[in-house]
Amino acid sequence: MGRKTDKKPSNEPFLGTTGLNIVTDNPESIVEVMSSITGDGLILLLTEESNLYHSQNAEKWKVSPKTLKWYDITPEEMRKFWGLMILMGQVRKENIRDYWSTVPTISIPIFPRTMSRDRFEPIWQAWYFSDNSQQTQDSGQLFKIWPTYEYSVQKFWSVYSPKQEPSLDEATIPWRGRLKFRTYNPVKITKYGVLVRMVCEAVSGYVCNMQIYSAEGKKLEEAVLSLLDRNLGQNHHIYQDNFYNSVRLAQSLLDRNVRVCGTMRANRGIPRDLEGEGKCLKKGQSAFQRKGDMVQVWKDKRLVQMISTIHDTTTVNTGRKDTKTNMEIKKPYAIVWYNKFMKGMDRADQDLSYYSVLRKTVKWLKKVVLYLLNCALFNAFFVYRTLNTHKSKVQELSARGRKVLDIRSPESK
């Protein structure tokens, strides 16, 4: 049965490093900061794979008499192409061709000055991310985007090390077309799409790591352990919701020097006697059991089930009063800290939605890579803001969430 007193866990000191892992010659240079996230390697990779994809499929594509003669994409053109894709997130138009319109009321001069429409469209058609000739039956579902995905995630983690309290949550890349691993969640705003599990720094929302769900039969516990692979052994405190938490996973992570906190479903290991005791609780009361980790039930307007290997059952004042009784509202410490540190993915998702570079496309892989680019822009802004704390205003993100990032190369300026 639940006990009335609890012993606070002996949390070990944080062994990881926190902060930026890069040194820039000019911290105020947006180009240099953006390059630290994307790098010339990614530009070269996309340039080579796009040229290869065109050479492999040129005979299948219809070519009209007005089509310009194809010539291989250069890294400089790929940078301009990326820049225009980012600008399309700033100024939304349903049809890509409208960006090159000559009608005075809707024209945008920067687009034709940067690249002609007749050059942009073939590049968009040929834009690709892997060599299809290397694909085999054993290749995974993500083979076609894997080099870009792997490069991006490695950059995200190597550029910045998060604080002790990351949060693990999920996002959805919108996609309603046919796809084997497309997911459906009726309670989400974006109901159909590609599921992405993400580890974000709780305070800033910086995207540290991600894992794209591809329906390849990996168990949930195995997926979480692989996603948190870089956090193991450093005494991180991971905050995650009831979809991921279980008594078994909490113990598995604790054995690897990672502590967790979050809500938990009743069928994920809550002892039956504690579950029965929870049904008898009145508002404001709680009960718990501990065996290495702590399982706690707390009654508010409804029963809240928590698991934590970080906190004890201490309750604290929330600073608010009950409107009916005028009494101080108290909550368990675990719930207060869960509410505080579970917002990392929400912060990232909010900023990613302000001026998203996602566009309609018939190929899911382009939508996923555009999402990776969106994450890179958000992370680059965070790095820029961290390097320039002395500046009162940052051009890229105003109070209203306006994001303006320039990835042109120094040669093009």
Protein backbone atom coordinates (compact mmCIF):
# COMPACT_ATOMS: atom_id res chain seq x y z
CA MET A 1 0.00 0.00 0.00
CA GLY A 2 1.03 3.64 -0.36
CA ARG A 3 3.10 5.05 2.50
CA LYS A 4 2.80 8.43 4.20
CA THR A 5 6.49 9.36 4.20
CA ASP A 6 9.03 9.16 1.41
CA LYS A 7 12.78 9.34 1.08
CA LYS A 8 14.16 11.79 -1.44
CA PRO A 9 16.19 10.09 -4.21
CA SER A 10 19.93 10.66 -4.08
CA ASN A 11 20.27 12.36 -7.47
CA GLU A 12 23.82 12.11 -8.76
CA PRO A 13 25.55 15.27 -10.07
CA PHE A 14 25.15 16.05 -13.75
CA LEU A 15 28.15 14.69 -15.68
CA GLY A 16 27.42 16.16 -19.09
CA THR A 17 28.55 19.44 -20.59
CA THR A 18 26.17 22.28 -21.40
CA GLY A 19 26.44 25.01 -24.00
CA LEU A 20 27.80 25.68 -27.47
CA ASN A 21 30.51 23.39 -28.83
CA ILE A 22 31.57 25.68 -31.68
CA VAL A 23 33.77 28.73 -32.02
CA THR A 24 32.94 31.34 -34.64
CA ASP A 25 35.23 34.05 -35.96
CA ASN A 26 32.33 36.46 -36.34
CA PRO A 27 29.40 35.66 -33.98
CA GLU A 28 27.27 38.41 -35.53
CA SER A 29 27.51 36.85 -39.00
CA ILE A 30 24.25 35.09 -39.82
CA VAL A 31 25.97 33.25 -42.68
CA GLU A 32 28.63 31.82 -40.38
CA VAL A 33 26.13 30.78 -37.72
CA MET A 34 23.85 29.10 -40.26
CA SER A 35 26.83 27.30 -41.76
CA SER A 36 27.62 25.82 -38.35
CA ILE A 37 24.26 24.00 -38.48
CA THR A 38 24.00 23.10 -42.17
CA GLY A 39 27.63 23.16 -43.23
CA ASP A 40 29.13 22.97 -46.71
CA GLY A 41 28.96 19.19 -46.47
CA LEU A 42 25.18 19.14 -46.66
CA ILE A 43 25.12 21.58 -49.58
CA LEU A 44 27.59 19.39 -51.47
CA LEU A 45 25.66 16.23 -50.61
CA LEU A 46 22.37 17.61 -51.94
CA THR A 47 24.07 19.02 -55.02
CA GLU A 48 25.68 15.69 -55.92
CA GLU A 49 22.58 13.60 -55.22
CA SER A 50 20.31 15.96 -57.19
CA ASN A 51 22.60 15.91 -60.21
CA LEU A 52 22.80 12.12 -59.99
CA TYR A 53 19.02 11.78 -59.70
CA HIS A 54 18.53 13.94 -62.80
CA SER A 55 20.98 11.87 -64.83
CA GLN A 56 19.18 8.68 -63.77
CA ASN A 57 15.70 9.96 -64.65
CA ALA A 58 16.15 12.57 -67.40
CA GLU A 59 14.71 10.28 -70.07
CA LYS A 60 11.48 9.76 -68.08
CA TRP A 61 10.67 13.46 -67.71
CA LYS A 62 8.72 15.39 -70.29
CA VAL A 63 10.68 18.25 -71.85
CA SER A 64 8.83 21.00 -73.68
CA PRO A 65 10.45 23.08 -76.46
CA LYS A 66 10.54 26.06 -74.06
CA THR A 67 12.43 24.17 -71.37
CA LEU A 68 15.96 25.40 -70.79
CA LYS A 69 18.75 22.96 -71.51
CA TRP A 70 19.73 21.18 -68.32
CA TYR A 71 23.16 21.67 -66.82
CA ASP A 72 24.41 20.35 -63.49
CA ILE A 73 23.56 22.23 -60.32
CA THR A 74 26.46 24.00 -58.59
CA PRO A 75 26.80 24.40 -54.79
CA GLU A 76 26.24 28.13 -55.23
CA GLU A 77 22.93 27.47 -57.00
CA MET A 78 21.92 25.04 -54.26
CA ARG A 79 22.49 27.78 -51.66
CA LYS A 80 20.35 30.18 -53.67
CA PHE A 81 17.69 27.49 -54.05
CA TRP A 82 17.64 26.99 -50.27
CA GLY A 83 17.47 30.73 -49.71
CA LEU A 84 14.43 31.04 -51.96
CA MET A 85 12.73 28.12 -50.20
CA ILE A 86 13.23 29.94 -46.90
CA LEU A 87 11.84 33.17 -48.32
CA MET A 88 8.77 31.27 -49.46
CA GLY A 89 8.11 30.64 -45.78
CA GLN A 90 8.14 34.39 -45.20
CA VAL A 91 5.74 35.22 -48.04
CA ARG A 92 3.10 32.55 -48.55
CA LYS A 93 1.72 31.93 -52.04
CA GLU A 94 -0.26 28.88 -53.07
CA ASN A 95 1.44 28.50 -56.46
CA ILE A 96 5.23 28.53 -56.70
CA ARG A 97 5.03 30.30 -60.07
CA ASP A 98 3.40 33.31 -58.37
CA TYR A 99 6.75 34.17 -56.77
CA TRP A 100 8.03 35.10 -60.23
CA SER A 101 4.89 37.02 -61.22
CA THR A 102 5.47 40.33 -63.02
CA VAL A 103 2.15 41.77 -61.85
CA PRO A 104 3.15 44.88 -59.84
CA THR A 105 0.73 44.23 -56.99
CA ILE A 106 2.11 40.76 -56.16
CA SER A 107 5.62 40.74 -57.64
CA ILE A 108 8.63 39.95 -55.42
CA PRO A 109 11.77 41.27 -57.19
CA ILE A 110 14.24 39.25 -55.09
CA PHE A 111 13.10 35.96 -56.67
CA PRO A 112 13.85 36.70 -60.37
CA ARG A 113 17.01 38.56 -59.35
CA THR A 114 18.28 35.50 -57.47
CA MET A 115 17.25 32.74 -59.89
CA SER A 116 14.99 32.49 -62.91
CA ARG A 117 11.81 30.49 -62.62
CA ASP A 118 12.87 28.27 -65.51
CA ARG A 119 15.97 27.31 -63.54
CA PHE A 120 14.25 26.96 -60.15
CA GLU A 121 11.62 24.50 -61.37
CA PRO A 122 14.07 21.91 -62.83
CA ILE A 123 16.13 22.09 -59.63
CA TRP A 124 12.98 21.53 -57.55
CA GLN A 125 12.11 18.55 -59.75
CA ALA A 126 15.60 17.07 -59.47
CA TRP A 127 16.07 17.87 -55.77
CA TYR A 128 16.99 14.53 -54.22
CA PHE A 129 18.79 13.07 -51.23
CA SER A 130 20.25 9.61 -51.96
CA ASP A 131 21.44 7.27 -54.70
CA ASN A 132 18.54 4.99 -55.65
CA SER A 133 20.91 2.56 -57.36
CA GLN A 134 22.29 1.62 -53.93
CA GLN A 135 18.89 0.67 -52.51
CA THR A 136 18.36 -3.03 -51.72
CA GLN A 137 15.60 -5.12 -50.16
CA ASP A 138 17.32 -4.72 -46.81
CA SER A 139 17.34 -0.92 -47.01
CA GLY A 140 15.09 0.73 -44.46
CA GLN A 141 11.99 2.81 -45.15
CA LEU A 142 14.04 5.98 -44.65
CA PHE A 143 16.77 5.06 -47.15
CA LYS A 144 15.88 7.88 -49.55
CA ILE A 145 16.40 10.60 -46.93
CA TRP A 146 18.87 8.86 -44.64
CA PRO A 147 22.10 10.73 -45.60
CA THR A 148 20.42 14.12 -45.11
CA TYR A 149 18.63 13.03 -41.94
CA GLU A 150 21.77 11.53 -40.41
CA TYR A 151 23.88 14.57 -41.28
CA SER A 152 21.33 17.00 -39.81
CA VAL A 153 20.86 15.14 -36.53
CA GLN A 154 24.61 14.78 -36.05
CA LYS A 155 25.01 18.53 -36.54
CA PHE A 156 22.21 19.38 -34.12
CA TRP A 157 23.83 17.38 -31.35
CA SER A 158 27.44 18.36 -32.02
CA VAL A 159 26.81 22.13 -32.15
CA TYR A 160 25.08 22.42 -28.78
CA SER A 161 24.85 20.29 -25.64
CA PRO A 162 21.56 20.67 -23.71
CA LYS A 163 21.10 21.33 -20.03
CA GLN A 164 20.30 18.55 -17.59
CA GLU A 165 16.54 18.66 -18.23
CA PRO A 166 15.60 17.72 -21.83
CA SER A 167 12.05 16.78 -22.72
CA LEU A 168 10.98 13.95 -25.02
CA ASP A 169 7.85 14.42 -27.07
CA GLU A 170 6.58 13.99 -30.61
CA ALA A 171 5.69 16.16 -33.60
CA THR A 172 3.91 15.40 -36.86
CA ILE A 173 5.09 16.37 -40.33
CA PRO A 174 1.87 16.95 -42.31
CA TRP A 175 1.29 14.32 -45.00
CA ARG A 176 -2.01 12.98 -46.32
CA GLY A 177 -0.69 10.98 -49.27
CA ARG A 178 -0.05 7.26 -49.46
CA LEU A 179 2.77 6.17 -47.21
CA LYS A 180 3.33 2.92 -45.34
CA PHE A 181 4.33 4.62 -42.10
CA ARG A 182 1.89 7.52 -42.19
CA THR A 183 0.19 7.90 -38.79
CA TYR A 184 -3.26 9.09 -37.77
CA ASN A 185 -4.07 10.82 -34.49
CA PRO A 186 -7.61 12.21 -34.24
CA VAL A 187 -6.85 14.43 -31.22
CA LYS A 188 -4.08 16.35 -32.98
CA ILE A 189 -4.52 19.44 -35.16
CA THR A 190 -2.35 17.71 -37.78
CA LYS A 191 -4.15 14.37 -37.88
CA TYR A 192 -2.27 12.68 -40.74
CA GLY A 193 1.46 12.75 -41.16
CA VAL A 194 4.92 11.38 -40.45
CA LEU A 195 5.57 10.95 -36.73
CA VAL A 196 8.81 12.40 -35.39
CA ARG A 197 10.00 11.73 -31.84
CA MET A 198 12.19 14.57 -30.63
CA VAL A 199 14.45 15.37 -27.70
CA CYS A 200 14.46 19.13 -27.06
CA GLU A 201 16.08 21.25 -24.39
CA ALA A 202 13.24 22.04 -22.01
CA VAL A 203 14.07 25.72 -21.49
CA SER A 204 14.92 26.84 -25.04
CA GLY A 205 13.27 24.18 -27.22
CA TYR A 206 16.56 23.55 -29.08
CA VAL A 207 16.15 20.36 -31.14
CA CYS A 208 18.89 18.03 -29.88
CA ASN A 209 17.90 14.73 -31.45
CA MET A 210 15.06 13.22 -33.42
CA GLN A 211 13.83 9.86 -34.66
CA ILE A 212 11.41 9.43 -37.55
CA TYR A 213 8.89 6.65 -37.02
CA SER A 214 9.01 4.28 -40.00
CA ALA A 215 6.87 1.29 -38.88
CA GLU A 216 9.79 -1.13 -38.89
CA GLY A 217 8.68 -3.13 -35.85
CA LYS A 218 10.84 -1.46 -33.20
CA LYS A 219 9.32 -1.68 -29.71
CA LEU A 220 8.58 1.56 -27.88
CA GLU A 221 11.14 0.96 -25.13
CA GLU A 222 13.82 0.15 -27.70
CA ALA A 223 12.93 3.31 -29.66
CA VAL A 224 13.19 5.51 -26.55
CA LEU A 225 16.54 4.02 -25.54
CA SER A 226 17.99 4.59 -29.02
CA LEU A 227 16.64 8.15 -29.10
CA LEU A 228 18.22 8.89 -25.71
CA ASP A 229 21.46 7.10 -26.60
CA ARG A 230 23.52 10.30 -26.34
CA ASN A 231 22.03 11.11 -22.92
CA LEU A 232 22.90 7.79 -21.28
CA GLY A 233 25.41 7.75 -18.46
CA GLN A 234 25.33 11.50 -17.80
CA ASN A 235 22.54 11.75 -15.20
CA HIS A 236 20.13 13.66 -17.43
CA HIS A 237 16.60 14.24 -16.14
CA ILE A 238 14.19 13.39 -18.97
CA TYR A 239 10.61 14.68 -18.90
CA GLN A 240 8.14 12.75 -21.05
CA ASP A 241 4.39 12.13 -21.18
CA ASN A 242 2.24 9.07 -20.55
CA PHE A 243 2.72 7.62 -24.04
CA TYR A 244 6.35 6.79 -23.24
CA ASN A 245 6.49 6.31 -19.48
CA SER A 246 6.31 2.94 -17.79
CA VAL A 247 7.78 1.36 -14.66
CA ARG A 248 9.91 -0.94 -16.80
CA LEU A 249 11.34 1.89 -18.93
CA ALA A 250 12.02 4.05 -15.88
CA GLN A 251 14.02 1.25 -14.28
CA SER A 252 15.86 0.54 -17.55
CA LEU A 253 16.87 4.20 -17.87
CA LEU A 254 17.80 4.42 -14.18
CA ASP A 255 20.22 1.53 -14.70
CA ARG A 256 21.81 3.69 -17.43
CA ASN A 257 22.11 6.80 -15.24
CA VAL A 258 19.12 8.61 -16.74
CA ARG A 259 16.23 9.70 -14.53
CA VAL A 260 12.70 10.36 -15.75
CA CYS A 261 9.58 12.19 -14.69
CA GLY A 262 6.13 12.33 -16.25
CA THR A 263 2.55 11.18 -16.32
CA MET A 264 1.85 7.49 -16.79
CA ARG A 265 -1.02 5.30 -17.96
CA ALA A 266 -2.60 2.84 -15.55
CA ASN A 267 -1.61 -0.19 -17.65
CA ARG A 268 2.10 0.69 -17.66
CA GLY A 269 2.97 -0.87 -14.30
CA ILE A 270 1.00 0.94 -11.59
CA PRO A 271 0.54 -1.53 -8.67
CA ARG A 272 -3.03 -2.71 -8.27
CA ASP A 273 -3.27 -1.79 -4.59
CA LEU A 274 -2.04 1.75 -5.34
CA GLU A 275 -4.51 2.02 -8.20
CA GLY A 276 -7.31 1.00 -5.83
CA GLU A 277 -6.13 3.45 -3.18
CA GLY A 278 -6.07 6.24 -5.77
CA LYS A 279 -9.78 5.80 -6.46
CA CYS A 280 -10.51 6.60 -2.81
CA LEU A 281 -8.53 9.85 -2.73
CA LYS A 282 -10.16 13.23 -2.22
CA LYS A 283 -9.10 16.38 -4.03
CA GLY A 284 -5.59 17.42 -2.99
CA GLN A 285 -4.66 14.00 -1.54
CA SER A 286 -2.01 11.66 -2.90
CA ALA A 287 -0.60 8.17 -2.43
CA PHE A 288 2.59 6.53 -3.67
CA GLN A 289 4.77 3.45 -3.78
CA ARG A 290 8.49 3.25 -4.30
CA LYS A 291 10.76 0.46 -5.45
CA GLY A 292 13.82 2.13 -6.94
CA ASP A 293 11.51 4.53 -8.75
CA MET A 294 8.39 6.25 -7.45
CA VAL A 295 4.84 5.79 -8.66
CA GLN A 296 2.41 8.38 -7.35
CA VAL A 297 -1.29 9.07 -7.76
CA TRP A 298 -2.67 12.51 -6.95
CA LYS A 299 -6.25 13.71 -7.03
CA ASP A 300 -7.05 17.08 -8.55
CA LYS A 301 -10.20 17.50 -10.65
CA ARG A 302 -9.34 14.00 -11.81
CA LEU A 303 -6.83 11.35 -10.84
CA VAL A 304 -3.27 12.10 -12.02
CA GLN A 305 -0.80 9.22 -12.22
CA MET A 306 2.89 10.08 -12.14
CA ILE A 307 6.21 8.27 -12.19
CA SER A 308 9.46 9.92 -11.16
CA THR A 309 12.95 8.75 -10.34
CA ILE A 310 13.95 12.37 -9.63
CA HIS A 311 11.55 13.65 -6.95
CA ASP A 312 9.97 12.63 -3.69
CA THR A 313 6.33 13.20 -2.69
CA THR A 314 6.86 16.70 -1.29
CA THR A 315 4.02 19.12 -2.04
CA VAL A 316 4.61 22.83 -2.69
CA ASN A 317 2.45 25.93 -2.97
CA THR A 318 1.66 26.92 -6.54
CA GLY A 319 1.05 30.58 -5.70
CA ARG A 320 -2.65 30.29 -6.63
CA LYS A 321 -5.76 30.02 -4.48
CA ASP A 322 -8.90 27.95 -4.86
CA THR A 323 -11.72 30.27 -5.94
CA LYS A 324 -14.25 28.42 -3.76
CA THR A 325 -12.31 27.85 -0.53
CA ASN A 326 -9.70 30.64 -0.87
CA MET A 327 -7.09 28.08 0.23
CA GLU A 328 -3.58 27.85 -1.23
CA ILE A 329 -3.41 25.30 -4.02
CA LYS A 330 -0.68 22.75 -3.42
CA LYS A 331 0.72 20.22 -5.87
CA PRO A 332 3.30 17.45 -5.63
CA TYR A 333 6.79 18.64 -6.51
CA ALA A 334 6.98 16.12 -9.37
CA ILE A 335 3.92 17.63 -11.09
CA VAL A 336 5.20 21.21 -10.71
CA TRP A 337 8.53 20.32 -12.30
CA TYR A 338 6.87 18.23 -14.99
CA ASN A 339 4.75 21.24 -16.00
CA LYS A 340 7.89 23.38 -16.01
CA PHE A 341 10.18 21.15 -18.08
CA MET A 342 7.75 19.36 -20.41
CA LYS A 343 7.40 22.38 -22.70
CA GLY A 344 10.55 21.95 -24.79
CA MET A 345 8.78 20.38 -27.78
CA ASP A 346 5.91 22.90 -27.49
CA ARG A 347 8.38 25.80 -27.67
CA ALA A 348 10.10 24.30 -30.69
CA ASP A 349 6.81 23.46 -32.41
CA GLN A 350 5.51 26.99 -31.88
CA ASP A 351 8.59 28.63 -33.39
CA LEU A 352 8.73 26.13 -36.25
CA SER A 353 5.16 27.05 -37.20
CA TYR A 354 5.64 30.83 -37.45
CA TYR A 355 7.17 30.91 -40.93
CA SER A 356 7.37 27.26 -41.92
CA VAL A 357 9.24 26.39 -45.13
CA LEU A 358 7.02 23.32 -45.69
CA ARG A 359 5.30 23.26 -49.08
CA LYS A 360 2.88 21.01 -50.90
CA THR A 361 4.67 18.26 -52.78
CA VAL A 362 3.84 14.85 -54.23
CA LYS A 363 6.93 13.30 -52.62
CA TRP A 364 6.95 12.69 -48.88
CA LEU A 365 10.74 12.76 -48.73
CA LYS A 366 10.83 16.40 -49.85
CA LYS A 367 8.37 17.30 -47.09
CA VAL A 368 10.55 15.56 -44.48
CA VAL A 369 13.76 17.23 -45.68
CA LEU A 370 12.03 20.63 -45.63
CA TYR A 371 11.08 19.90 -42.03
CA LEU A 372 14.74 19.17 -41.26
CA LEU A 373 15.64 22.51 -42.84
CA ASN A 374 13.01 24.18 -40.68
CA CYS A 375 14.57 22.63 -37.56
CA ALA A 376 18.01 23.76 -38.72
CA LEU A 377 16.73 27.35 -39.05
CA PHE A 378 15.26 27.27 -35.57
CA ASN A 379 18.45 25.83 -34.07
CA ALA A 380 20.55 28.39 -35.95
CA PHE A 381 18.47 31.19 -34.50
CA PHE A 382 19.03 29.80 -31.00
CA VAL A 383 22.79 29.61 -31.61
CA TYR A 384 22.80 33.18 -32.97
CA ARG A 385 20.86 34.45 -29.97
CA THR A 386 23.22 32.63 -27.57
CA LEU A 387 26.29 34.11 -29.25
CA ASN A 388 24.81 37.61 -29.26
CA THR A 389 23.28 38.03 -25.83
CA HIS A 390 24.58 41.61 -25.74
CA LYS A 391 22.26 42.68 -28.54
CA SER A 392 18.97 44.21 -27.39
CA LYS A 393 17.13 43.06 -30.51
CA VAL A 394 17.74 40.08 -32.75
CA GLN A 395 16.68 40.65 -36.34
CA GLU A 396 15.70 37.03 -36.98
CA LEU A 397 12.94 36.68 -34.39
CA SER A 398 10.87 39.58 -33.11
CA ALA A 399 8.36 39.50 -30.28
CA ARG A 400 5.70 38.47 -32.76
CA GLY A 401 7.76 35.48 -33.87
CA ARG A 402 9.06 36.88 -37.16
CA LYS A 403 11.95 34.82 -38.43
CA VAL A 404 14.37 36.11 -41.08
CA LEU A 405 17.45 34.02 -41.79
CA ASP A 406 19.87 34.58 -44.65
CA ILE A 407 21.92 31.60 -45.82
CA ARG A 408 23.55 33.18 -48.83
CA SER A 409 27.21 32.42 -49.17
CA PRO A 410 29.78 35.22 -48.61
CA GLU A 411 30.59 35.19 -52.31
CA SER A 412 27.03 36.09 -53.27
CA LYS A 413 26.98 39.26 -51.16
